[in-house]
Amino acid sequence: MGFSCVLRVQTDQGELYFKALPETYAAEVSLVEQLTAWHLKHLPAVVAADEPARWVLLRACAGLCLEDGAPLAVWQRAARAYADLQVASATKS
């Protein structure tokens, strides 16, 4: 099993994240694109993607990084938004 590689890049267009995926996670590129199309409010925008090459370039999320010491209330809002995204996505086809 392989691991993905994620790089954070500062550009003149803002902060971007490049993610390269192993073959075992090849479906993640199309999944990220579809989830973003359904839930752009809660997910970073896809700038570019290449499914055969298994990579995706995303805009950074705005706001406070949870790991940088966000208060519990912010973690709770994020968890609720994530749960809402999962429930809403389960009803899509």
PDB file of N, CA and C in Angstrom:
ATOM      1  N   MET A   1       0.854  -1.180   0.000  1.00  0.00           N
ATOM      2  CA  MET A   1       0.000   0.000   0.000  1.00  0.00           C
ATOM      3  C   MET A   1       0.894   1.234   0.000  1.00  0.00           C
ATOM      4  N   GLY A   2       0.526   2.228  -0.763  1.00  0.00           N
ATOM      5  CA  GLY A   2       1.299   3.462  -0.847  1.00  0.00           C
ATOM      6  C   GLY A   2       0.676   4.567  -0.023  1.00  0.00           C
ATOM      7  N   PHE A   3       1.358   5.662   0.003  1.00  0.00           N
ATOM      8  CA  PHE A   3       0.885   6.846   0.715  1.00  0.00           C
ATOM      9  C   PHE A   3       0.754   7.994  -0.269  1.00  0.00           C
ATOM     10  N   SER A   4      -0.134   8.936   0.036  1.00  0.00           N
ATOM     11  CA  SER A   4      -0.230  10.126  -0.805  1.00  0.00           C
ATOM     12  C   SER A   4       0.838  11.118  -0.372  1.00  0.00           C
ATOM     13  N   CYS A   5       1.144  12.026  -1.257  1.00  0.00           N
ATOM     14  CA  CYS A   5       2.101  13.093  -0.987  1.00  0.00           C
ATOM     15  C   CYS A   5       1.352  14.413  -1.126  1.00  0.00           C
ATOM     16  N   VAL A   6       1.397  15.243  -0.097  1.00  0.00           N
ATOM     17  CA  VAL A   6       0.703  16.522  -0.113  1.00  0.00           C
ATOM     18  C   VAL A   6       1.731  17.633   0.061  1.00  0.00           C
ATOM     19  N   LEU A   7       1.703  18.582  -0.846  1.00  0.00           N
ATOM     20  CA  LEU A   7       2.607  19.728  -0.786  1.00  0.00           C
ATOM     21  C   LEU A   7       1.807  21.013  -0.685  1.00  0.00           C
ATOM     22  N   ARG A   8       2.204  21.894   0.214  1.00  0.00           N
ATOM     23  CA  ARG A   8       1.582  23.220   0.330  1.00  0.00           C
ATOM     24  C   ARG A   8       2.464  24.196  -0.429  1.00  0.00           C
ATOM     25  N   VAL A   9       1.837  24.998  -1.296  1.00  0.00           N
ATOM     26  CA  VAL A   9       2.588  25.891  -2.174  1.00  0.00           C
ATOM     27  C   VAL A   9       2.009  27.304  -2.089  1.00  0.00           C
ATOM     28  N   GLN A  10       2.863  28.278  -1.838  1.00  0.00           N
ATOM     29  CA  GLN A  10       2.452  29.686  -1.895  1.00  0.00           C
ATOM     30  C   GLN A  10       2.611  30.161  -3.341  1.00  0.00           C
ATOM     31  N   THR A  11       1.557  30.738  -3.918  1.00  0.00           N
ATOM     32  CA  THR A  11       1.607  31.231  -5.291  1.00  0.00           C
ATOM     33  C   THR A  11       1.063  32.658  -5.333  1.00  0.00           C
ATOM     34  N   ASP A  12       1.174  33.281  -6.494  1.00  0.00           N
ATOM     35  CA  ASP A  12       0.584  34.617  -6.644  1.00  0.00           C
ATOM     36  C   ASP A  12      -0.941  34.548  -6.668  1.00  0.00           C
ATOM     37  N   GLN A  13      -1.493  33.333  -6.721  1.00  0.00           N
ATOM     38  CA  GLN A  13      -2.937  33.115  -6.672  1.00  0.00           C
ATOM     39  C   GLN A  13      -3.392  32.688  -5.267  1.00  0.00           C
ATOM     40  N   GLY A  14      -2.496  32.729  -4.312  1.00  0.00           N
ATOM     41  CA  GLY A  14      -2.810  32.309  -2.956  1.00  0.00           C
ATOM     42  C   GLY A  14      -2.190  30.962  -2.633  1.00  0.00           C
ATOM     43  N   GLU A  15      -2.562  30.435  -1.478  1.00  0.00           N
ATOM     44  CA  GLU A  15      -2.016  29.161  -1.027  1.00  0.00           C
ATOM     45  C   GLU A  15      -2.762  28.007  -1.690  1.00  0.00           C
ATOM     46  N   LEU A  16      -2.001  27.045  -2.222  1.00  0.00           N
ATOM     47  CA  LEU A  16      -2.567  25.880  -2.888  1.00  0.00           C
ATOM     48  C   LEU A  16      -1.987  24.614  -2.273  1.00  0.00           C
ATOM     49  N   TYR A  17      -2.717  23.518  -2.418  1.00  0.00           N
ATOM     50  CA  TYR A  17      -2.247  22.209  -1.990  1.00  0.00           C
ATOM     51  C   TYR A  17      -2.241  21.270  -3.192  1.00  0.00           C
ATOM     52  N   PHE A  18      -1.114  20.620  -3.404  1.00  0.00           N
ATOM     53  CA  PHE A  18      -0.963  19.627  -4.460  1.00  0.00           C
ATOM     54  C   PHE A  18      -0.948  18.261  -3.800  1.00  0.00           C
ATOM     55  N   LYS A  19      -1.800  17.361  -4.264  1.00  0.00           N
ATOM     56  CA  LYS A  19      -1.857  16.016  -3.698  1.00  0.00           C
ATOM     57  C   LYS A  19      -1.656  14.995  -4.806  1.00  0.00           C
ATOM     58  N   ALA A  20      -0.634  14.161  -4.637  1.00  0.00           N
ATOM     59  CA  ALA A  20      -0.359  13.055  -5.551  1.00  0.00           C
ATOM     60  C   ALA A  20      -0.722  11.764  -4.833  1.00  0.00           C
ATOM     61  N   LEU A  21      -1.449  10.902  -5.510  1.00  0.00           N
ATOM     62  CA  LEU A  21      -2.014   9.710  -4.875  1.00  0.00           C
ATOM     63  C   LEU A  21      -1.431   8.419  -5.438  1.00  0.00           C
ATOM     64  N   PRO A  22      -1.306   7.395  -4.589  1.00  0.00           N
ATOM     65  CA  PRO A  22      -0.869   6.087  -5.089  1.00  0.00           C
ATOM     66  C   PRO A  22      -2.007   5.420  -5.861  1.00  0.00           C
ATOM     67  N   GLU A  23      -1.671   4.384  -6.574  1.00  0.00           N
ATOM     68  CA  GLU A  23      -2.666   3.678  -7.381  1.00  0.00           C
ATOM     69  C   GLU A  23      -3.859   3.203  -6.562  1.00  0.00           C
ATOM     70  N   THR A  24      -3.621   2.808  -5.319  1.00  0.00           N
ATOM     71  CA  THR A  24      -4.708   2.286  -4.480  1.00  0.00           C
ATOM     72  C   THR A  24      -5.753   3.348  -4.145  1.00  0.00           C
ATOM     73  N   TYR A  25      -5.406   4.629  -4.269  1.00  0.00           N
ATOM     74  CA  TYR A  25      -6.345   5.726  -3.994  1.00  0.00           C
ATOM     75  C   TYR A  25      -6.734   6.489  -5.260  1.00  0.00           C
ATOM     76  N   ALA A  26      -6.628   5.843  -6.404  1.00  0.00           N
ATOM     77  CA  ALA A  26      -6.876   6.515  -7.678  1.00  0.00           C
ATOM     78  C   ALA A  26      -8.266   7.138  -7.767  1.00  0.00           C
ATOM     79  N   ALA A  27      -9.258   6.541  -7.137  1.00  0.00           N
ATOM     80  CA  ALA A  27     -10.629   7.055  -7.214  1.00  0.00           C
ATOM     81  C   ALA A  27     -10.799   8.372  -6.460  1.00  0.00           C
ATOM     82  N   GLU A  28      -9.847   8.740  -5.612  1.00  0.00           N
ATOM     83  CA  GLU A  28      -9.982   9.948  -4.801  1.00  0.00           C
ATOM     84  C   GLU A  28     -10.052  11.215  -5.651  1.00  0.00           C
ATOM     85  N   VAL A  29      -9.362  11.241  -6.777  1.00  0.00           N
ATOM     86  CA  VAL A  29      -9.380  12.444  -7.619  1.00  0.00           C
ATOM     87  C   VAL A  29     -10.801  12.740  -8.081  1.00  0.00           C
ATOM     88  N   SER A  30     -11.482  11.758  -8.648  1.00  0.00           N
ATOM     89  CA  SER A  30     -12.855  12.002  -9.121  1.00  0.00           C
ATOM     90  C   SER A  30     -13.803  12.223  -7.938  1.00  0.00           C
ATOM     91  N   LEU A  31     -13.548  11.565  -6.815  1.00  0.00           N
ATOM     92  CA  LEU A  31     -14.380  11.774  -5.626  1.00  0.00           C
ATOM     93  C   LEU A  31     -14.269  13.216  -5.133  1.00  0.00           C
ATOM     94  N   VAL A  32     -13.057  13.731  -5.040  1.00  0.00           N
ATOM     95  CA  VAL A  32     -12.853  15.122  -4.601  1.00  0.00           C
ATOM     96  C   VAL A  32     -13.535  16.089  -5.557  1.00  0.00           C
ATOM     97  N   GLU A  33     -13.392  15.855  -6.851  1.00  0.00           N
ATOM     98  CA  GLU A  33     -14.046  16.736  -7.827  1.00  0.00           C
ATOM     99  C   GLU A  33     -15.564  16.717  -7.664  1.00  0.00           C
ATOM    100  N   GLN A  34     -16.150  15.531  -7.472  1.00  0.00           N
ATOM    101  CA  GLN A  34     -17.605  15.435  -7.328  1.00  0.00           C
ATOM    102  C   GLN A  34     -18.076  16.065  -6.027  1.00  0.00           C
ATOM    103  N   LEU A  35     -17.406  15.775  -4.929  1.00  0.00           N
ATOM    104  CA  LEU A  35     -17.798  16.362  -3.643  1.00  0.00           C
ATOM    105  C   LEU A  35     -17.708  17.881  -3.677  1.00  0.00           C
ATOM    106  N   THR A  36     -16.680  18.401  -4.315  1.00  0.00           N
ATOM    107  CA  THR A  36     -16.534  19.848  -4.429  1.00  0.00           C
ATOM    108  C   THR A  36     -17.669  20.445  -5.257  1.00  0.00           C
ATOM    109  N   ALA A  37     -18.057  19.764  -6.318  1.00  0.00           N
ATOM    110  CA  ALA A  37     -19.171  20.251  -7.140  1.00  0.00           C
ATOM    111  C   ALA A  37     -20.467  20.293  -6.335  1.00  0.00           C
ATOM    112  N   TRP A  38     -20.672  19.327  -5.470  1.00  0.00           N
ATOM    113  CA  TRP A  38     -21.884  19.270  -4.658  1.00  0.00           C
ATOM    114  C   TRP A  38     -21.840  20.209  -3.460  1.00  0.00           C
ATOM    115  N   HIS A  39     -20.664  20.414  -2.887  1.00  0.00           N
ATOM    116  CA  HIS A  39     -20.560  21.085  -1.584  1.00  0.00           C
ATOM    117  C   HIS A  39     -19.456  22.144  -1.558  1.00  0.00           C
ATOM    118  N   LEU A  40     -19.402  22.995  -2.542  1.00  0.00           N
ATOM    119  CA  LEU A  40     -18.325  23.977  -2.630  1.00  0.00           C
ATOM    120  C   LEU A  40     -18.223  24.846  -1.377  1.00  0.00           C
ATOM    121  N   LYS A  41     -19.333  25.077  -0.702  1.00  0.00           N
ATOM    122  CA  LYS A  41     -19.329  25.907   0.504  1.00  0.00           C
ATOM    123  C   LYS A  41     -18.419  25.332   1.595  1.00  0.00           C
ATOM    124  N   HIS A  42     -18.293  24.010   1.651  1.00  0.00           N
ATOM    125  CA  HIS A  42     -17.554  23.364   2.731  1.00  0.00           C
ATOM    126  C   HIS A  42     -16.216  22.766   2.297  1.00  0.00           C
ATOM    127  N   LEU A  43     -15.892  22.824   1.022  1.00  0.00           N
ATOM    128  CA  LEU A  43     -14.667  22.188   0.539  1.00  0.00           C
ATOM    129  C   LEU A  43     -13.831  23.177  -0.266  1.00  0.00           C
ATOM    130  N   PRO A  44     -12.528  22.952  -0.288  1.00  0.00           N
ATOM    131  CA  PRO A  44     -11.681  23.831  -1.097  1.00  0.00           C
ATOM    132  C   PRO A  44     -11.939  23.596  -2.588  1.00  0.00           C
ATOM    133  N   ALA A  45     -11.818  24.649  -3.367  1.00  0.00           N
ATOM    134  CA  ALA A  45     -12.039  24.543  -4.814  1.00  0.00           C
ATOM    135  C   ALA A  45     -10.921  23.744  -5.471  1.00  0.00           C
ATOM    136  N   VAL A  46     -11.296  22.911  -6.432  1.00  0.00           N
ATOM    137  CA  VAL A  46     -10.318  22.187  -7.237  1.00  0.00           C
ATOM    138  C   VAL A  46      -9.823  23.150  -8.320  1.00  0.00           C
ATOM    139  N   VAL A  47      -8.527  23.398  -8.345  1.00  0.00           N
ATOM    140  CA  VAL A  47      -7.921  24.268  -9.357  1.00  0.00           C
ATOM    141  C   VAL A  47      -7.634  23.460 -10.615  1.00  0.00           C
ATOM    142  N   ALA A  48      -7.110  22.257 -10.428  1.00  0.00           N
ATOM    143  CA  ALA A  48      -6.794  21.372 -11.550  1.00  0.00           C
ATOM    144  C   ALA A  48      -6.741  19.941 -11.018  1.00  0.00           C
ATOM    145  N   ALA A  49      -6.974  18.993 -11.913  1.00  0.00           N
ATOM    146  CA  ALA A  49      -6.903  17.589 -11.530  1.00  0.00           C
ATOM    147  C   ALA A  49      -6.541  16.763 -12.752  1.00  0.00           C
ATOM    148  N   ASP A  50      -5.866  15.660 -12.504  1.00  0.00           N
ATOM    149  CA  ASP A  50      -5.509  14.723 -13.572  1.00  0.00           C
ATOM    150  C   ASP A  50      -5.754  13.321 -13.036  1.00  0.00           C
ATOM    151  N   GLU A  51      -6.888  12.756 -13.411  1.00  0.00           N
ATOM    152  CA  GLU A  51      -7.258  11.442 -12.883  1.00  0.00           C
ATOM    153  C   GLU A  51      -6.277  10.345 -13.284  1.00  0.00           C
ATOM    154  N   PRO A  52      -5.863  10.253 -14.569  1.00  0.00           N
ATOM    155  CA  PRO A  52      -4.894   9.197 -14.918  1.00  0.00           C
ATOM    156  C   PRO A  52      -3.558   9.331 -14.169  1.00  0.00           C
ATOM    157  N   ALA A  53      -3.121  10.559 -13.919  1.00  0.00           N
ATOM    158  CA  ALA A  53      -1.867  10.771 -13.191  1.00  0.00           C
ATOM    159  C   ALA A  53      -2.064  10.709 -11.676  1.00  0.00           C
ATOM    160  N   ARG A  54      -3.317  10.709 -11.227  1.00  0.00           N
ATOM    161  CA  ARG A  54      -3.694  10.610  -9.814  1.00  0.00           C
ATOM    162  C   ARG A  54      -3.178  11.799  -8.995  1.00  0.00           C
ATOM    163  N   TRP A  55      -3.469  13.011  -9.469  1.00  0.00           N
ATOM    164  CA  TRP A  55      -3.118  14.183  -8.665  1.00  0.00           C
ATOM    165  C   TRP A  55      -4.229  15.212  -8.740  1.00  0.00           C
ATOM    166  N   VAL A  56      -4.254  16.064  -7.725  1.00  0.00           N
ATOM    167  CA  VAL A  56      -5.255  17.125  -7.645  1.00  0.00           C
ATOM    168  C   VAL A  56      -4.601  18.355  -7.015  1.00  0.00           C
ATOM    169  N   LEU A  57      -4.965  19.519  -7.506  1.00  0.00           N
ATOM    170  CA  LEU A  57      -4.476  20.801  -6.991  1.00  0.00           C
ATOM    171  C   LEU A  57      -5.678  21.551  -6.427  1.00  0.00           C
ATOM    172  N   LEU A  58      -5.602  21.904  -5.136  1.00  0.00           N
ATOM    173  CA  LEU A  58      -6.730  22.520  -4.436  1.00  0.00           C
ATOM    174  C   LEU A  58      -6.356  23.868  -3.847  1.00  0.00           C
ATOM    175  N   ARG A  59      -7.320  24.762  -3.780  1.00  0.00           N
ATOM    176  CA  ARG A  59      -7.126  26.005  -3.034  1.00  0.00           C
ATOM    177  C   ARG A  59      -7.120  25.669  -1.549  1.00  0.00           C
ATOM    178  N   ALA A  60      -6.420  26.432  -0.777  1.00  0.00           N
ATOM    179  CA  ALA A  60      -6.435  26.245   0.675  1.00  0.00           C
ATOM    180  C   ALA A  60      -7.785  26.698   1.219  1.00  0.00           C
ATOM    181  N   CYS A  61      -8.221  26.071   2.270  1.00  0.00           N
ATOM    182  CA  CYS A  61      -9.440  26.504   2.952  1.00  0.00           C
ATOM    183  C   CYS A  61      -9.165  27.812   3.676  1.00  0.00           C
ATOM    184  N   ALA A  62     -10.149  28.657   3.705  1.00  0.00           N
ATOM    185  CA  ALA A  62     -10.018  29.921   4.430  1.00  0.00           C
ATOM    186  C   ALA A  62     -10.242  29.678   5.908  1.00  0.00           C
ATOM    187  N   GLY A  63      -9.698  30.546   6.711  1.00  0.00           N
ATOM    188  CA  GLY A  63      -9.974  30.492   8.139  1.00  0.00           C
ATOM    189  C   GLY A  63      -8.880  29.839   8.950  1.00  0.00           C
ATOM    190  N   LEU A  64      -9.184  29.653  10.205  1.00  0.00           N
ATOM    191  CA  LEU A  64      -8.265  29.120  11.192  1.00  0.00           C
ATOM    192  C   LEU A  64      -8.044  27.628  10.977  1.00  0.00           C
ATOM    193  N   CYS A  65      -6.792  27.198  11.026  1.00  0.00           N
ATOM    194  CA  CYS A  65      -6.459  25.779  10.957  1.00  0.00           C
ATOM    195  C   CYS A  65      -6.787  25.149  12.304  1.00  0.00           C
ATOM    196  N   LEU A  66      -7.550  24.078  12.300  1.00  0.00           N
ATOM    197  CA  LEU A  66      -7.974  23.457  13.550  1.00  0.00           C
ATOM    198  C   LEU A  66      -6.775  23.029  14.400  1.00  0.00           C
ATOM    199  N   GLU A  67      -5.749  22.477  13.743  1.00  0.00           N
ATOM    200  CA  GLU A  67      -4.579  21.994  14.484  1.00  0.00           C
ATOM    201  C   GLU A  67      -3.759  23.119  15.106  1.00  0.00           C
ATOM    202  N   ASP A  68      -4.017  24.351  14.729  1.00  0.00           N
ATOM    203  CA  ASP A  68      -3.266  25.481  15.275  1.00  0.00           C
ATOM    204  C   ASP A  68      -3.896  26.035  16.549  1.00  0.00           C
ATOM    205  N   GLY A  69      -4.677  25.218  17.210  1.00  0.00           N
ATOM    206  CA  GLY A  69      -5.227  25.622  18.500  1.00  0.00           C
ATOM    207  C   GLY A  69      -6.615  26.220  18.449  1.00  0.00           C
ATOM    208  N   ALA A  70      -7.411  25.802  17.466  1.00  0.00           N
ATOM    209  CA  ALA A  70      -8.783  26.302  17.399  1.00  0.00           C
ATOM    210  C   ALA A  70      -9.546  25.881  18.645  1.00  0.00           C
ATOM    211  N   PRO A  71     -10.414  26.742  19.157  1.00  0.00           N
ATOM    212  CA  PRO A  71     -11.205  26.388  20.334  1.00  0.00           C
ATOM    213  C   PRO A  71     -12.182  25.245  20.032  1.00  0.00           C
ATOM    214  N   LEU A  72     -12.651  24.611  21.087  1.00  0.00           N
ATOM    215  CA  LEU A  72     -13.546  23.468  20.951  1.00  0.00           C
ATOM    216  C   LEU A  72     -14.773  23.788  20.102  1.00  0.00           C
ATOM    217  N   ALA A  73     -15.337  24.964  20.235  1.00  0.00           N
ATOM    218  CA  ALA A  73     -16.537  25.333  19.464  1.00  0.00           C
ATOM    219  C   ALA A  73     -16.263  25.290  17.959  1.00  0.00           C
ATOM    220  N   VAL A  74     -15.071  25.668  17.551  1.00  0.00           N
ATOM    221  CA  VAL A  74     -14.710  25.632  16.122  1.00  0.00           C
ATOM    222  C   VAL A  74     -14.591  24.180  15.658  1.00  0.00           C
ATOM    223  N   TRP A  75     -13.984  23.325  16.476  1.00  0.00           N
ATOM    224  CA  TRP A  75     -13.905  21.898  16.159  1.00  0.00           C
ATOM    225  C   TRP A  75     -15.313  21.305  16.043  1.00  0.00           C
ATOM    226  N   GLN A  76     -16.218  21.705  16.929  1.00  0.00           N
ATOM    227  CA  GLN A  76     -17.584  21.183  16.897  1.00  0.00           C
ATOM    228  C   GLN A  76     -18.313  21.611  15.620  1.00  0.00           C
ATOM    229  N   ARG A  77     -18.132  22.866  15.220  1.00  0.00           N
ATOM    230  CA  ARG A  77     -18.755  23.336  13.964  1.00  0.00           C
ATOM    231  C   ARG A  77     -18.203  22.558  12.773  1.00  0.00           C
ATOM    232  N   ALA A  78     -16.893  22.328  12.771  1.00  0.00           N
ATOM    233  CA  ALA A  78     -16.271  21.573  11.678  1.00  0.00           C
ATOM    234  C   ALA A  78     -16.805  20.141  11.638  1.00  0.00           C
ATOM    235  N   ALA A  79     -16.938  19.516  12.793  1.00  0.00           N
ATOM    236  CA  ALA A  79     -17.459  18.144  12.860  1.00  0.00           C
ATOM    237  C   ALA A  79     -18.902  18.082  12.369  1.00  0.00           C
ATOM    238  N   ARG A  80     -19.715  19.084  12.756  1.00  0.00           N
ATOM    239  CA  ARG A  80     -21.108  19.130  12.285  1.00  0.00           C
ATOM    240  C   ARG A  80     -21.164  19.314  10.766  1.00  0.00           C
ATOM    241  N   ALA A  81     -20.343  20.208  10.236  1.00  0.00           N
ATOM    242  CA  ALA A  81     -20.320  20.448   8.786  1.00  0.00           C
ATOM    243  C   ALA A  81     -19.882  19.185   8.047  1.00  0.00           C
ATOM    244  N   TYR A  82     -18.895  18.480   8.604  1.00  0.00           N
ATOM    245  CA  TYR A  82     -18.423  17.243   7.981  1.00  0.00           C
ATOM    246  C   TYR A  82     -19.519  16.172   7.995  1.00  0.00           C
ATOM    247  N   ALA A  83     -20.216  16.050   9.106  1.00  0.00           N
ATOM    248  CA  ALA A  83     -21.324  15.089   9.194  1.00  0.00           C
ATOM    249  C   ALA A  83     -22.429  15.451   8.199  1.00  0.00           C
ATOM    250  N   ASP A  84     -22.763  16.740   8.091  1.00  0.00           N
ATOM    251  CA  ASP A  84     -23.781  17.191   7.138  1.00  0.00           C
ATOM    252  C   ASP A  84     -23.357  16.852   5.704  1.00  0.00           C
ATOM    253  N   LEU A  85     -22.083  17.052   5.408  1.00  0.00           N
ATOM    254  CA  LEU A  85     -21.566  16.743   4.071  1.00  0.00           C
ATOM    255  C   LEU A  85     -21.711  15.249   3.783  1.00  0.00           C
ATOM    256  N   GLN A  86     -21.383  14.402   4.742  1.00  0.00           N
ATOM    257  CA  GLN A  86     -21.505  12.961   4.554  1.00  0.00           C
ATOM    258  C   GLN A  86     -22.952  12.547   4.344  1.00  0.00           C
ATOM    259  N   VAL A  87     -23.861  13.071   5.148  1.00  0.00           N
ATOM    260  CA  VAL A  87     -25.274  12.723   5.020  1.00  0.00           C
ATOM    261  C   VAL A  87     -25.819  13.192   3.665  1.00  0.00           C
ATOM    262  N   ALA A  88     -25.502  14.419   3.289  1.00  0.00           N
ATOM    263  CA  ALA A  88     -25.985  14.944   2.010  1.00  0.00           C
ATOM    264  C   ALA A  88     -25.410  14.158   0.836  1.00  0.00           C
ATOM    265  N   SER A  89     -24.157  13.767   0.936  1.00  0.00           N
ATOM    266  CA  SER A  89     -23.505  13.018  -0.156  1.00  0.00           C
ATOM    267  C   SER A  89     -24.079  11.611  -0.287  1.00  0.00           C
ATOM    268  N   ALA A  90     -24.522  11.035   0.804  1.00  0.00           N
ATOM    269  CA  ALA A  90     -25.085   9.683   0.778  1.00  0.00           C
ATOM    270  C   ALA A  90     -26.371   9.631  -0.025  1.00  0.00           C
ATOM    271  N   THR A  91     -27.068  10.758  -0.151  1.00  0.00           N
ATOM    272  CA  THR A  91     -28.333  10.785  -0.876  1.00  0.00           C
ATOM    273  C   THR A  91     -28.154  11.141  -2.353  1.00  0.00           C
ATOM    274  N   LYS A  92     -26.930  11.482  -2.754  1.00  0.00           N
ATOM    275  CA  LYS A  92     -26.654  11.839  -4.155  1.00  0.00           C
ATOM    276  C   LYS A  92     -26.404  10.568  -4.963  1.00  0.00           C
ATOM    277  N   SER A  93     -26.605  10.690  -6.248  1.00  0.00           N
ATOM    278  CA  SER A  93     -26.283   9.539  -7.097  1.00  0.00           C
ATOM    279  C   SER A  93     -25.446   9.970  -8.269  1.00  0.00           C
TER     280      SER A  93
END
